[in-house]
Amino acid sequence: MFSELFTAATAIDAPRGIAKNPQSRALYAADIMLSWHKSRN
């Protein structure tokens, strides 16, 4: 899930996506929950 999120967030140039910057490093916290999901059977 995190991989898909950051792929989506960096796939499009700024301002619609996170911009490239070799000087940048960032720390985030992601809050998640777990849910029951019915997939086929």
Full PDB file with SEQRES, HELIX, SHEET, SSBOND, CRYST1, ORIGX, SCALE, CONECT and MASTER records, all heavy atoms in Angstrom:
SEQRES   1 A   41  MET PHE SER GLU LEU PHE THR ALA ALA THR ALA ILE ASP          
SEQRES   2 A   41  ALA PRO ARG GLY ILE ALA LYS ASN PRO GLN SER ARG ALA          
SEQRES   3 A   41  LEU TYR ALA ALA ASP ILE MET LEU SER TRP HIS LYS SER          
SEQRES   4 A   41  ARG ASN                                                      
HELIX    1 AA1 PHE A    2  THR A   10  1                                   9    
CRYST1    1.000    1.000    1.000  90.00  90.00  90.00 P 1           1          
ORIGX1      1.000000  0.000000  0.000000        0.00000                         
ORIGX2      0.000000  1.000000  0.000000        0.00000                         
ORIGX3      0.000000  0.000000  1.000000        0.00000                         
SCALE1      1.000000  0.000000  0.000000        0.00000                         
SCALE2      0.000000  1.000000  0.000000        0.00000                         
SCALE3      0.000000  0.000000  1.000000        0.00000                         
ATOM      1  N   MET A   1       0.836  -1.200   0.000  1.00  0.00           N  
ATOM      2  CA  MET A   1       0.000   0.000   0.000  1.00  0.00           C  
ATOM      3  C   MET A   1       0.876   1.257   0.000  1.00  0.00           C  
ATOM      4  O   MET A   1       0.649   2.188  -0.799  1.00  0.00           O  
ATOM      5  CB  MET A   1      -0.918  -0.003   1.221  1.00  0.00           C  
ATOM      6  CG  MET A   1      -1.690   1.289   1.451  1.00  0.00           C  
ATOM      7  SD  MET A   1      -2.657   1.268   2.991  1.00  0.00           S  
ATOM      8  CE  MET A   1      -1.345   1.325   4.213  1.00  0.00           C  
ATOM      9  N   PHE A   2       1.882   1.309   0.866  1.00  0.00           N  
ATOM     10  CA  PHE A   2       2.756   2.477   0.923  1.00  0.00           C  
ATOM     11  C   PHE A   2       3.510   2.669  -0.393  1.00  0.00           C  
ATOM     12  O   PHE A   2       3.696   3.790  -0.868  1.00  0.00           O  
ATOM     13  CB  PHE A   2       3.744   2.357   2.084  1.00  0.00           C  
ATOM     14  CG  PHE A   2       3.122   2.475   3.450  1.00  0.00           C  
ATOM     15  CD1 PHE A   2       3.570   1.704   4.513  1.00  0.00           C  
ATOM     16  CD2 PHE A   2       2.079   3.361   3.670  1.00  0.00           C  
ATOM     17  CE1 PHE A   2       2.997   1.827   5.767  1.00  0.00           C  
ATOM     18  CE2 PHE A   2       1.503   3.488   4.931  1.00  0.00           C  
ATOM     19  CZ  PHE A   2       1.962   2.708   5.981  1.00  0.00           C  
ATOM     20  N   SER A   3       3.940   1.556  -0.978  1.00  0.00           N  
ATOM     21  CA  SER A   3       4.650   1.633  -2.251  1.00  0.00           C  
ATOM     22  C   SER A   3       3.748   2.220  -3.340  1.00  0.00           C  
ATOM     23  O   SER A   3       4.176   3.086  -4.129  1.00  0.00           O  
ATOM     24  CB  SER A   3       5.135   0.238  -2.655  1.00  0.00           C  
ATOM     25  OG  SER A   3       5.745   0.266  -3.916  1.00  0.00           O  
ATOM     26  N   GLU A   4       2.498   1.783  -3.377  1.00  0.00           N  
ATOM     27  CA  GLU A   4       1.558   2.307  -4.369  1.00  0.00           C  
ATOM     28  C   GLU A   4       1.272   3.788  -4.132  1.00  0.00           C  
ATOM     29  O   GLU A   4       1.145   4.571  -5.082  1.00  0.00           O  
ATOM     30  CB  GLU A   4       0.262   1.491  -4.338  1.00  0.00           C  
ATOM     31  CG  GLU A   4       0.430   0.075  -4.869  1.00  0.00           C  
ATOM     32  CD  GLU A   4      -0.834  -0.767  -4.733  1.00  0.00           C  
ATOM     33  OE1 GLU A   4      -1.855  -0.230  -4.230  1.00  0.00           O  
ATOM     34  OE2 GLU A   4      -0.803  -1.945  -5.115  1.00  0.00           O  
ATOM     35  N   LEU A   5       1.180   4.174  -2.859  1.00  0.00           N  
ATOM     36  CA  LEU A   5       0.931   5.581  -2.546  1.00  0.00           C  
ATOM     37  C   LEU A   5       2.070   6.454  -3.051  1.00  0.00           C  
ATOM     38  O   LEU A   5       1.840   7.470  -3.724  1.00  0.00           O  
ATOM     39  CB  LEU A   5       0.766   5.766  -1.034  1.00  0.00           C  
ATOM     40  CG  LEU A   5       0.760   7.227  -0.571  1.00  0.00           C  
ATOM     41  CD1 LEU A   5      -0.454   7.974  -1.107  1.00  0.00           C  
ATOM     42  CD2 LEU A   5       0.817   7.316   0.956  1.00  0.00           C  
ATOM     43  N   PHE A   6       3.319   6.094  -2.731  1.00  0.00           N  
ATOM     44  CA  PHE A   6       4.438   6.952  -3.113  1.00  0.00           C  
ATOM     45  C   PHE A   6       4.717   6.892  -4.607  1.00  0.00           C  
ATOM     46  O   PHE A   6       5.219   7.866  -5.186  1.00  0.00           O  
ATOM     47  CB  PHE A   6       5.675   6.613  -2.278  1.00  0.00           C  
ATOM     48  CG  PHE A   6       5.635   7.236  -0.905  1.00  0.00           C  
ATOM     49  CD1 PHE A   6       5.121   6.522   0.179  1.00  0.00           C  
ATOM     50  CD2 PHE A   6       6.045   8.543  -0.704  1.00  0.00           C  
ATOM     51  CE1 PHE A   6       5.057   7.107   1.433  1.00  0.00           C  
ATOM     52  CE2 PHE A   6       5.979   9.131   0.547  1.00  0.00           C  
ATOM     53  CZ  PHE A   6       5.484   8.415   1.618  1.00  0.00           C  
ATOM     54  N   THR A   7       4.365   5.792  -5.255  1.00  0.00           N  
ATOM     55  CA  THR A   7       4.434   5.753  -6.712  1.00  0.00           C  
ATOM     56  C   THR A   7       3.474   6.778  -7.301  1.00  0.00           C  
ATOM     57  O   THR A   7       3.819   7.551  -8.201  1.00  0.00           O  
ATOM     58  CB  THR A   7       4.088   4.346  -7.234  1.00  0.00           C  
ATOM     59  OG1 THR A   7       5.052   3.406  -6.748  1.00  0.00           O  
ATOM     60  CG2 THR A   7       4.075   4.312  -8.754  1.00  0.00           C  
ATOM     61  N   ALA A   8       2.240   6.818  -6.750  1.00  0.00           N  
ATOM     62  CA  ALA A   8       1.240   7.769  -7.232  1.00  0.00           C  
ATOM     63  C   ALA A   8       1.638   9.211  -6.919  1.00  0.00           C  
ATOM     64  O   ALA A   8       1.407  10.118  -7.724  1.00  0.00           O  
ATOM     65  CB  ALA A   8      -0.114   7.450  -6.603  1.00  0.00           C  
ATOM     66  N   ALA A   9       2.247   9.417  -5.753  1.00  0.00           N  
ATOM     67  CA  ALA A   9       2.572  10.776  -5.312  1.00  0.00           C  
ATOM     68  C   ALA A   9       3.770  11.361  -6.041  1.00  0.00           C  
ATOM     69  O   ALA A   9       3.969  12.582  -6.028  1.00  0.00           O  
ATOM     70  CB  ALA A   9       2.831  10.788  -3.806  1.00  0.00           C  
ATOM     71  N   THR A  10       4.586  10.512  -6.666  1.00  0.00           N  
ATOM     72  CA  THR A  10       5.781  11.010  -7.354  1.00  0.00           C  
ATOM     73  C   THR A  10       5.689  10.819  -8.865  1.00  0.00           C  
ATOM     74  O   THR A  10       6.623  11.164  -9.582  1.00  0.00           O  
ATOM     75  CB  THR A  10       7.034  10.287  -6.825  1.00  0.00           C  
ATOM     76  OG1 THR A  10       6.880   8.862  -7.007  1.00  0.00           O  
ATOM     77  CG2 THR A  10       7.250  10.570  -5.354  1.00  0.00           C  
ATOM     78  N   ALA A  11       4.553  10.292  -9.350  1.00  0.00           N  
ATOM     79  CA  ALA A  11       4.421   9.992 -10.778  1.00  0.00           C  
ATOM     80  C   ALA A  11       4.161  11.231 -11.609  1.00  0.00           C  
ATOM     81  O   ALA A  11       4.426  11.252 -12.812  1.00  0.00           O  
ATOM     82  CB  ALA A  11       3.296   8.973 -10.995  1.00  0.00           C  
ATOM     83  N   ILE A  12       3.623  12.280 -11.002  1.00  0.00           N  
ATOM     84  CA  ILE A  12       3.248  13.500 -11.715  1.00  0.00           C  
ATOM     85  C   ILE A  12       4.039  14.665 -11.126  1.00  0.00           C  
ATOM     86  O   ILE A  12       4.269  14.735  -9.917  1.00  0.00           O  
ATOM     87  CB  ILE A  12       1.728  13.744 -11.593  1.00  0.00           C  
ATOM     88  CG1 ILE A  12       0.962  12.568 -12.217  1.00  0.00           C  
ATOM     89  CG2 ILE A  12       1.321  15.049 -12.247  1.00  0.00           C  
ATOM     90  CD1 ILE A  12      -0.543  12.691 -12.121  1.00  0.00           C  
ATOM     91  N   ASP A  13       4.446  15.576 -11.992  1.00  0.00           N  
ATOM     92  CA  ASP A  13       5.273  16.706 -11.553  1.00  0.00           C  
ATOM     93  C   ASP A  13       4.492  17.639 -10.633  1.00  0.00           C  
ATOM     94  O   ASP A  13       3.257  17.688 -10.648  1.00  0.00           O  
ATOM     95  CB  ASP A  13       5.775  17.492 -12.762  1.00  0.00           C  
ATOM     96  CG  ASP A  13       6.814  16.706 -13.564  1.00  0.00           C  
ATOM     97  OD1 ASP A  13       7.423  15.783 -12.990  1.00  0.00           O  
ATOM     98  OD2 ASP A  13       6.995  17.012 -14.755  1.00  0.00           O  
ATOM     99  N   ALA A  14       5.249  18.402  -9.861  1.00  0.00           N  
ATOM    100  CA  ALA A  14       4.668  19.432  -8.991  1.00  0.00           C  
ATOM    101  C   ALA A  14       3.900  20.437  -9.855  1.00  0.00           C  
ATOM    102  O   ALA A  14       4.266  20.674 -11.004  1.00  0.00           O  
ATOM    103  CB  ALA A  14       5.783  20.128  -8.215  1.00  0.00           C  
ATOM    104  N   PRO A  15       2.811  21.008  -9.348  1.00  0.00           N  
ATOM    105  CA  PRO A  15       2.332  20.928  -7.959  1.00  0.00           C  
ATOM    106  C   PRO A  15       1.423  19.739  -7.665  1.00  0.00           C  
ATOM    107  O   PRO A  15       0.927  19.617  -6.559  1.00  0.00           O  
ATOM    108  CB  PRO A  15       1.558  22.235  -7.808  1.00  0.00           C  
ATOM    109  CG  PRO A  15       0.976  22.455  -9.169  1.00  0.00           C  
ATOM    110  CD  PRO A  15       2.018  21.986 -10.143  1.00  0.00           C  
ATOM    111  N   ARG A  16       1.199  18.843  -8.643  1.00  0.00           N  
ATOM    112  CA  ARG A  16       0.297  17.708  -8.418  1.00  0.00           C  
ATOM    113  C   ARG A  16       1.018  16.509  -7.813  1.00  0.00           C  
ATOM    114  O   ARG A  16       0.388  15.499  -7.519  1.00  0.00           O  
ATOM    115  CB  ARG A  16      -0.390  17.327  -9.719  1.00  0.00           C  
ATOM    116  CG  ARG A  16      -1.347  18.402 -10.238  1.00  0.00           C  
ATOM    117  CD  ARG A  16      -1.770  18.150 -11.661  1.00  0.00           C  
ATOM    118  NE  ARG A  16      -2.435  16.864 -11.808  1.00  0.00           N  
ATOM    119  CZ  ARG A  16      -2.532  16.208 -12.963  1.00  0.00           C  
ATOM    120  NH1 ARG A  16      -1.977  16.724 -14.054  1.00  0.00           N  
ATOM    121  NH2 ARG A  16      -3.155  15.047 -13.019  1.00  0.00           N  
ATOM    122  N   GLY A  17       2.325  16.624  -7.655  1.00  0.00           N  
ATOM    123  CA  GLY A  17       3.100  15.532  -7.073  1.00  0.00           C  
ATOM    124  C   GLY A  17       4.276  16.078  -6.291  1.00  0.00           C  
ATOM    125  O   GLY A  17       4.618  17.269  -6.387  1.00  0.00           O  
ATOM    126  N   ILE A  18       4.917  15.219  -5.512  1.00  0.00           N  
ATOM    127  CA  ILE A  18       6.107  15.619  -4.757  1.00  0.00           C  
ATOM    128  C   ILE A  18       7.246  15.844  -5.750  1.00  0.00           C  
ATOM    129  O   ILE A  18       7.475  15.035  -6.652  1.00  0.00           O  
ATOM    130  CB  ILE A  18       6.492  14.536  -3.734  1.00  0.00           C  
ATOM    131  CG1 ILE A  18       5.314  14.233  -2.796  1.00  0.00           C  
ATOM    132  CG2 ILE A  18       7.708  14.973  -2.922  1.00  0.00           C  
ATOM    133  CD1 ILE A  18       5.563  13.059  -1.863  1.00  0.00           C  
ATOM    134  N   ALA A  19       7.954  16.958  -5.605  1.00  0.00           N  
ATOM    135  CA  ALA A  19       9.001  17.320  -6.565  1.00  0.00           C  
ATOM    136  C   ALA A  19      10.345  16.708  -6.186  1.00  0.00           C  
ATOM    137  O   ALA A  19      10.655  16.495  -5.012  1.00  0.00           O  
ATOM    138  CB  ALA A  19       9.124  18.843  -6.636  1.00  0.00           C  
ATOM    139  N   LYS A  20      11.141  16.472  -7.207  1.00  0.00           N  
ATOM    140  CA  LYS A  20      12.496  15.959  -7.000  1.00  0.00           C  
ATOM    141  C   LYS A  20      13.368  17.042  -6.383  1.00  0.00           C  
ATOM    142  O   LYS A  20      13.316  18.210  -6.778  1.00  0.00           O  
ATOM    143  CB  LYS A  20      13.086  15.516  -8.341  1.00  0.00           C  
ATOM    144  CG  LYS A  20      14.525  15.001  -8.247  1.00  0.00           C  
ATOM    145  CD  LYS A  20      15.019  14.492  -9.580  1.00  0.00           C  
ATOM    146  CE  LYS A  20      16.439  13.933  -9.444  1.00  0.00           C  
ATOM    147  NZ  LYS A  20      16.913  13.332 -10.707  1.00  0.00           N  
ATOM    148  N   ASN A  21      14.185  16.634  -5.407  1.00  0.00           N  
ATOM    149  CA  ASN A  21      15.158  17.551  -4.813  1.00  0.00           C  
ATOM    150  C   ASN A  21      16.233  16.744  -4.093  1.00  0.00           C  
ATOM    151  O   ASN A  21      15.965  16.164  -3.030  1.00  0.00           O  
ATOM    152  CB  ASN A  21      14.493  18.509  -3.833  1.00  0.00           C  
ATOM    153  CG  ASN A  21      15.492  19.522  -3.280  1.00  0.00           C  
ATOM    154  OD1 ASN A  21      16.567  19.720  -3.846  1.00  0.00           O  
ATOM    155  ND2 ASN A  21      15.151  20.153  -2.168  1.00  0.00           N  
ATOM    156  N   PRO A  22      17.439  16.668  -4.649  1.00  0.00           N  
ATOM    157  CA  PRO A  22      18.508  15.891  -3.993  1.00  0.00           C  
ATOM    158  C   PRO A  22      18.852  16.382  -2.593  1.00  0.00           C  
ATOM    159  O   PRO A  22      19.443  15.635  -1.812  1.00  0.00           O  
ATOM    160  CB  PRO A  22      19.703  16.067  -4.953  1.00  0.00           C  
ATOM    161  CG  PRO A  22      19.085  16.372  -6.284  1.00  0.00           C  
ATOM    162  CD  PRO A  22      17.851  17.176  -5.968  1.00  0.00           C  
ATOM    163  N   GLN A  23      18.482  17.618  -2.264  1.00  0.00           N  
ATOM    164  CA  GLN A  23      18.756  18.127  -0.918  1.00  0.00           C  
ATOM    165  C   GLN A  23      17.732  17.665   0.111  1.00  0.00           C  
ATOM    166  O   GLN A  23      17.953  17.821   1.311  1.00  0.00           O  
ATOM    167  CB  GLN A  23      18.781  19.656  -0.943  1.00  0.00           C  
ATOM    168  CG  GLN A  23      19.957  20.258  -1.691  1.00  0.00           C  
ATOM    169  CD  GLN A  23      19.964  21.766  -1.590  1.00  0.00           C  
ATOM    170  OE1 GLN A  23      19.279  22.453  -2.351  1.00  0.00           O  
ATOM    171  NE2 GLN A  23      20.728  22.297  -0.641  1.00  0.00           N  
ATOM    172  N   SER A  24      16.620  17.132  -0.336  1.00  0.00           N  
ATOM    173  CA  SER A  24      15.498  16.826   0.563  1.00  0.00           C  
ATOM    174  C   SER A  24      15.557  15.410   1.118  1.00  0.00           C  
ATOM    175  O   SER A  24      15.905  14.449   0.414  1.00  0.00           O  
ATOM    176  CB  SER A  24      14.173  17.012  -0.178  1.00  0.00           C  
ATOM    177  OG  SER A  24      13.935  18.360  -0.472  1.00  0.00           O  
ATOM    178  N   ARG A  25      15.199  15.299   2.359  1.00  0.00           N  
ATOM    179  CA  ARG A  25      14.877  14.030   3.013  1.00  0.00           C  
ATOM    180  C   ARG A  25      13.641  14.334   3.871  1.00  0.00           C  
ATOM    181  O   ARG A  25      13.504  15.448   4.399  1.00  0.00           O  
ATOM    182  CB  ARG A  25      16.004  13.529   3.920  1.00  0.00           C  
ATOM    183  CG  ARG A  25      17.334  13.318   3.220  1.00  0.00           C  
ATOM    184  CD  ARG A  25      17.304  12.117   2.291  1.00  0.00           C  
ATOM    185  NE  ARG A  25      18.613  11.828   1.750  1.00  0.00           N  
ATOM    186  CZ  ARG A  25      19.113  12.359   0.635  1.00  0.00           C  
ATOM    187  NH1 ARG A  25      18.389  13.243  -0.043  1.00  0.00           N  
ATOM    188  NH2 ARG A  25      20.314  12.035   0.219  1.00  0.00           N  
ATOM    189  N   ALA A  26      12.756  13.369   4.046  1.00  0.00           N  
ATOM    190  CA  ALA A  26      11.544  13.670   4.821  1.00  0.00           C  
ATOM    191  C   ALA A  26      11.130  12.472   5.651  1.00  0.00           C  
ATOM    192  O   ALA A  26      11.324  11.307   5.255  1.00  0.00           O  
ATOM    193  CB  ALA A  26      10.410  14.087   3.890  1.00  0.00           C  
ATOM    194  N   LEU A  27      10.552  12.792   6.789  1.00  0.00           N  
ATOM    195  CA  LEU A  27      10.050  11.781   7.724  1.00  0.00           C  
ATOM    196  C   LEU A  27       8.558  12.022   7.918  1.00  0.00           C  
ATOM    197  O   LEU A  27       8.144  13.129   8.263  1.00  0.00           O  
ATOM    198  CB  LEU A  27      10.783  11.921   9.064  1.00  0.00           C  
ATOM    199  CG  LEU A  27      10.510  10.838  10.120  1.00  0.00           C  
ATOM    200  CD1 LEU A  27      11.175   9.521   9.704  1.00  0.00           C  
ATOM    201  CD2 LEU A  27      11.048  11.274  11.478  1.00  0.00           C  
ATOM    202  N   TYR A  28       7.764  10.986   7.687  1.00  0.00           N  
ATOM    203  CA  TYR A  28       6.311  11.079   7.854  1.00  0.00           C  
ATOM    204  C   TYR A  28       5.847   9.968   8.791  1.00  0.00           C  
ATOM    205  O   TYR A  28       6.553   8.984   9.025  1.00  0.00           O  
ATOM    206  CB  TYR A  28       5.592  10.915   6.510  1.00  0.00           C  
ATOM    207  CG  TYR A  28       6.101  11.775   5.400  1.00  0.00           C  
ATOM    208  CD1 TYR A  28       6.799  11.225   4.331  1.00  0.00           C  
ATOM    209  CD2 TYR A  28       5.894  13.156   5.408  1.00  0.00           C  
ATOM    210  CE1 TYR A  28       7.274  12.009   3.287  1.00  0.00           C  
ATOM    211  CE2 TYR A  28       6.360  13.953   4.373  1.00  0.00           C  
ATOM    212  CZ  TYR A  28       7.058  13.372   3.312  1.00  0.00           C  
ATOM    213  OH  TYR A  28       7.529  14.154   2.299  1.00  0.00           O  
ATOM    214  N   ALA A  29       4.652  10.135   9.292  1.00  0.00           N  
ATOM    215  CA  ALA A  29       3.999   9.047  10.031  1.00  0.00           C  
ATOM    216  C   ALA A  29       2.686   8.733   9.322  1.00  0.00           C  
ATOM    217  O   ALA A  29       1.912   9.642   9.024  1.00  0.00           O  
ATOM    218  CB  ALA A  29       3.736   9.449  11.480  1.00  0.00           C  
ATOM    219  N   ALA A  30       2.473   7.468   9.034  1.00  0.00           N  
ATOM    220  CA  ALA A  30       1.247   7.034   8.369  1.00  0.00           C  
ATOM    221  C   ALA A  30       0.381   6.298   9.376  1.00  0.00           C  
ATOM    222  O   ALA A  30       0.838   5.350  10.022  1.00  0.00           O  
ATOM    223  CB  ALA A  30       1.567   6.114   7.195  1.00  0.00           C  
ATOM    224  N   ASP A  31      -0.856   6.740   9.525  1.00  0.00           N  
ATOM    225  CA  ASP A  31      -1.806   6.063  10.409  1.00  0.00           C  
ATOM    226  C   ASP A  31      -2.714   5.187   9.562  1.00  0.00           C  
ATOM    227  O   ASP A  31      -3.314   5.651   8.582  1.00  0.00           O  
ATOM    228  CB  ASP A  31      -2.638   7.082  11.189  1.00  0.00           C  
ATOM    229  CG  ASP A  31      -1.796   7.850  12.189  1.00  0.00           C  
ATOM    230  OD1 ASP A  31      -0.736   7.334  12.596  1.00  0.00           O  
ATOM    231  OD2 ASP A  31      -2.183   8.979  12.556  1.00  0.00           O  
ATOM    232  N   ILE A  32      -2.814   3.922   9.946  1.00  0.00           N  
ATOM    233  CA  ILE A  32      -3.626   2.984   9.184  1.00  0.00           C  
ATOM    234  C   ILE A  32      -4.515   2.185  10.134  1.00  0.00           C  
ATOM    235  O   ILE A  32      -4.279   2.132  11.342  1.00  0.00           O  
ATOM    236  CB  ILE A  32      -2.759   2.007   8.356  1.00  0.00           C  
ATOM    237  CG1 ILE A  32      -2.068   0.985   9.282  1.00  0.00           C  
ATOM    238  CG2 ILE A  32      -1.725   2.744   7.518  1.00  0.00           C  
ATOM    239  CD1 ILE A  32      -1.536  -0.219   8.563  1.00  0.00           C  
ATOM    240  N   MET A  33      -5.554   1.581   9.572  1.00  0.00           N  
ATOM    241  CA  MET A  33      -6.356   0.591  10.276  1.00  0.00           C  
ATOM    242  C   MET A  33      -6.429  -0.652   9.406  1.00  0.00           C  
ATOM    243  O   MET A  33      -6.052  -0.630   8.230  1.00  0.00           O  
ATOM    244  CB  MET A  33      -7.758   1.113  10.573  1.00  0.00           C  
ATOM    245  CG  MET A  33      -7.798   2.141  11.680  1.00  0.00           C  
ATOM    246  SD  MET A  33      -9.492   2.640  12.092  1.00  0.00           S  
ATOM    247  CE  MET A  33     -10.145   1.095  12.717  1.00  0.00           C  
ATOM    248  N   LEU A  34      -6.905  -1.724   9.989  1.00  0.00           N  
ATOM    249  CA  LEU A  34      -7.112  -2.968   9.253  1.00  0.00           C  
ATOM    250  C   LEU A  34      -8.610  -3.243   9.196  1.00  0.00           C  
ATOM    251  O   LEU A  34      -9.327  -3.036  10.175  1.00  0.00           O  
ATOM    252  CB  LEU A  34      -6.387  -4.130   9.927  1.00  0.00           C  
ATOM    253  CG  LEU A  34      -4.876  -3.952  10.115  1.00  0.00           C  
ATOM    254  CD1 LEU A  34      -4.289  -5.125  10.903  1.00  0.00           C  
ATOM    255  CD2 LEU A  34      -4.174  -3.816   8.770  1.00  0.00           C  
ATOM    256  N   SER A  35      -9.062  -3.707   8.038  1.00  0.00           N  
ATOM    257  CA  SER A  35     -10.489  -3.965   7.853  1.00  0.00           C  
ATOM    258  C   SER A  35     -10.670  -5.328   7.201  1.00  0.00           C  
ATOM    259  O   SER A  35      -9.799  -5.808   6.461  1.00  0.00           O  
ATOM    260  CB  SER A  35     -11.095  -2.872   6.970  1.00  0.00           C  
ATOM    261  OG  SER A  35     -12.451  -3.133   6.697  1.00  0.00           O  
ATOM    262  N   TRP A  36     -11.803  -5.950   7.471  1.00  0.00           N  
ATOM    263  CA  TRP A  36     -12.146  -7.192   6.789  1.00  0.00           C  
ATOM    264  C   TRP A  36     -12.673  -6.846   5.402  1.00  0.00           C  
ATOM    265  O   TRP A  36     -13.478  -5.935   5.243  1.00  0.00           O  
ATOM    266  CB  TRP A  36     -13.191  -7.980   7.577  1.00  0.00           C  
ATOM    267  CG  TRP A  36     -12.688  -8.438   8.920  1.00  0.00           C  
ATOM    268  CD1 TRP A  36     -13.061  -7.963  10.137  1.00  0.00           C  
ATOM    269  CD2 TRP A  36     -11.714  -9.446   9.167  1.00  0.00           C  
ATOM    270  NE1 TRP A  36     -12.378  -8.607  11.142  1.00  0.00           N  
ATOM    271  CE2 TRP A  36     -11.534  -9.533  10.569  1.00  0.00           C  
ATOM    272  CE3 TRP A  36     -10.944 -10.286   8.343  1.00  0.00           C  
ATOM    273  CZ2 TRP A  36     -10.645 -10.423  11.165  1.00  0.00           C  
ATOM    274  CZ3 TRP A  36     -10.057 -11.172   8.932  1.00  0.00           C  
ATOM    275  CH2 TRP A  36      -9.910 -11.245  10.321  1.00  0.00           C  
ATOM    276  N   HIS A  37     -12.194  -7.588   4.416  1.00  0.00           N  
ATOM    277  CA  HIS A  37     -12.547  -7.293   3.027  1.00  0.00           C  
ATOM    278  C   HIS A  37     -12.890  -8.603   2.328  1.00  0.00           C  
ATOM    279  O   HIS A  37     -12.096  -9.556   2.344  1.00  0.00           O  
ATOM    280  CB  HIS A  37     -11.362  -6.619   2.332  1.00  0.00           C  
ATOM    281  CG  HIS A  37     -11.582  -6.364   0.873  1.00  0.00           C  
ATOM    282  ND1 HIS A  37     -12.420  -5.370   0.412  1.00  0.00           N  
ATOM    283  CD2 HIS A  37     -11.075  -6.967  -0.232  1.00  0.00           C  
ATOM    284  CE1 HIS A  37     -12.413  -5.385  -0.908  1.00  0.00           C  
ATOM    285  NE2 HIS A  37     -11.607  -6.344  -1.332  1.00  0.00           N  
ATOM    286  N   LYS A  38     -14.083  -8.639   1.744  1.00  0.00           N  
ATOM    287  CA  LYS A  38     -14.503  -9.840   1.013  1.00  0.00           C  
ATOM    288  C   LYS A  38     -14.053  -9.724  -0.432  1.00  0.00           C  
ATOM    289  O   LYS A  38     -14.446  -8.809  -1.149  1.00  0.00           O  
ATOM    290  CB  LYS A  38     -16.017 -10.009   1.105  1.00  0.00           C  
ATOM    291  CG  LYS A  38     -16.493 -10.368   2.508  1.00  0.00           C  
ATOM    292  CD  LYS A  38     -17.996 -10.548   2.567  1.00  0.00           C  
ATOM    293  CE  LYS A  38     -18.423 -11.014   3.955  1.00  0.00           C  
ATOM    294  NZ  LYS A  38     -18.010 -10.082   5.026  1.00  0.00           N  
ATOM    295  N   SER A  39     -13.211 -10.652  -0.851  1.00  0.00           N  
ATOM    296  CA  SER A  39     -12.688 -10.674  -2.212  1.00  0.00           C  
ATOM    297  C   SER A  39     -13.006 -12.032  -2.816  1.00  0.00           C  
ATOM    298  O   SER A  39     -12.465 -13.061  -2.398  1.00  0.00           O  
ATOM    299  CB  SER A  39     -11.174 -10.431  -2.203  1.00  0.00           C  
ATOM    300  OG  SER A  39     -10.648 -10.495  -3.501  1.00  0.00           O  
ATOM    301  N   ARG A  40     -13.925 -12.027  -3.770  1.00  0.00           N  
ATOM    302  CA  ARG A  40     -14.410 -13.266  -4.383  1.00  0.00           C  
ATOM    303  C   ARG A  40     -14.947 -14.179  -3.296  1.00  0.00           C  
ATOM    304  O   ARG A  40     -15.921 -13.864  -2.639  1.00  0.00           O  
ATOM    305  CB  ARG A  40     -13.307 -13.920  -5.219  1.00  0.00           C  
ATOM    306  CG  ARG A  40     -12.857 -13.025  -6.390  1.00  0.00           C  
ATOM    307  CD  ARG A  40     -11.801 -13.693  -7.239  1.00  0.00           C  
ATOM    308  NE  ARG A  40     -11.440 -12.834  -8.350  1.00  0.00           N  
ATOM    309  CZ  ARG A  40     -10.518 -11.893  -8.292  1.00  0.00           C  
ATOM    310  NH1 ARG A  40      -9.846 -11.711  -7.171  1.00  0.00           N  
ATOM    311  NH2 ARG A  40     -10.250 -11.130  -9.332  1.00  0.00           N  
ATOM    312  N   ASN A  41     -14.296 -15.324  -3.059  1.00  0.00           N  
ATOM    313  CA  ASN A  41     -14.856 -16.287  -2.105  1.00  0.00           C  
ATOM    314  C   ASN A  41     -14.097 -16.317  -0.779  1.00  0.00           C  
ATOM    315  O   ASN A  41     -14.300 -17.230   0.021  1.00  0.00           O  
ATOM    316  CB  ASN A  41     -14.862 -17.700  -2.722  1.00  0.00           C  
ATOM    317  CG  ASN A  41     -15.773 -17.782  -3.928  1.00  0.00           C  
ATOM    318  OD1 ASN A  41     -16.848 -17.180  -3.930  1.00  0.00           O  
ATOM    319  ND2 ASN A  41     -15.350 -18.509  -4.947  1.00  0.00           N  
TER     320      ASN A  41                                                      
MASTER        0    0    0    1    0    0    0    6  319    1    0    4          
END                                                                             
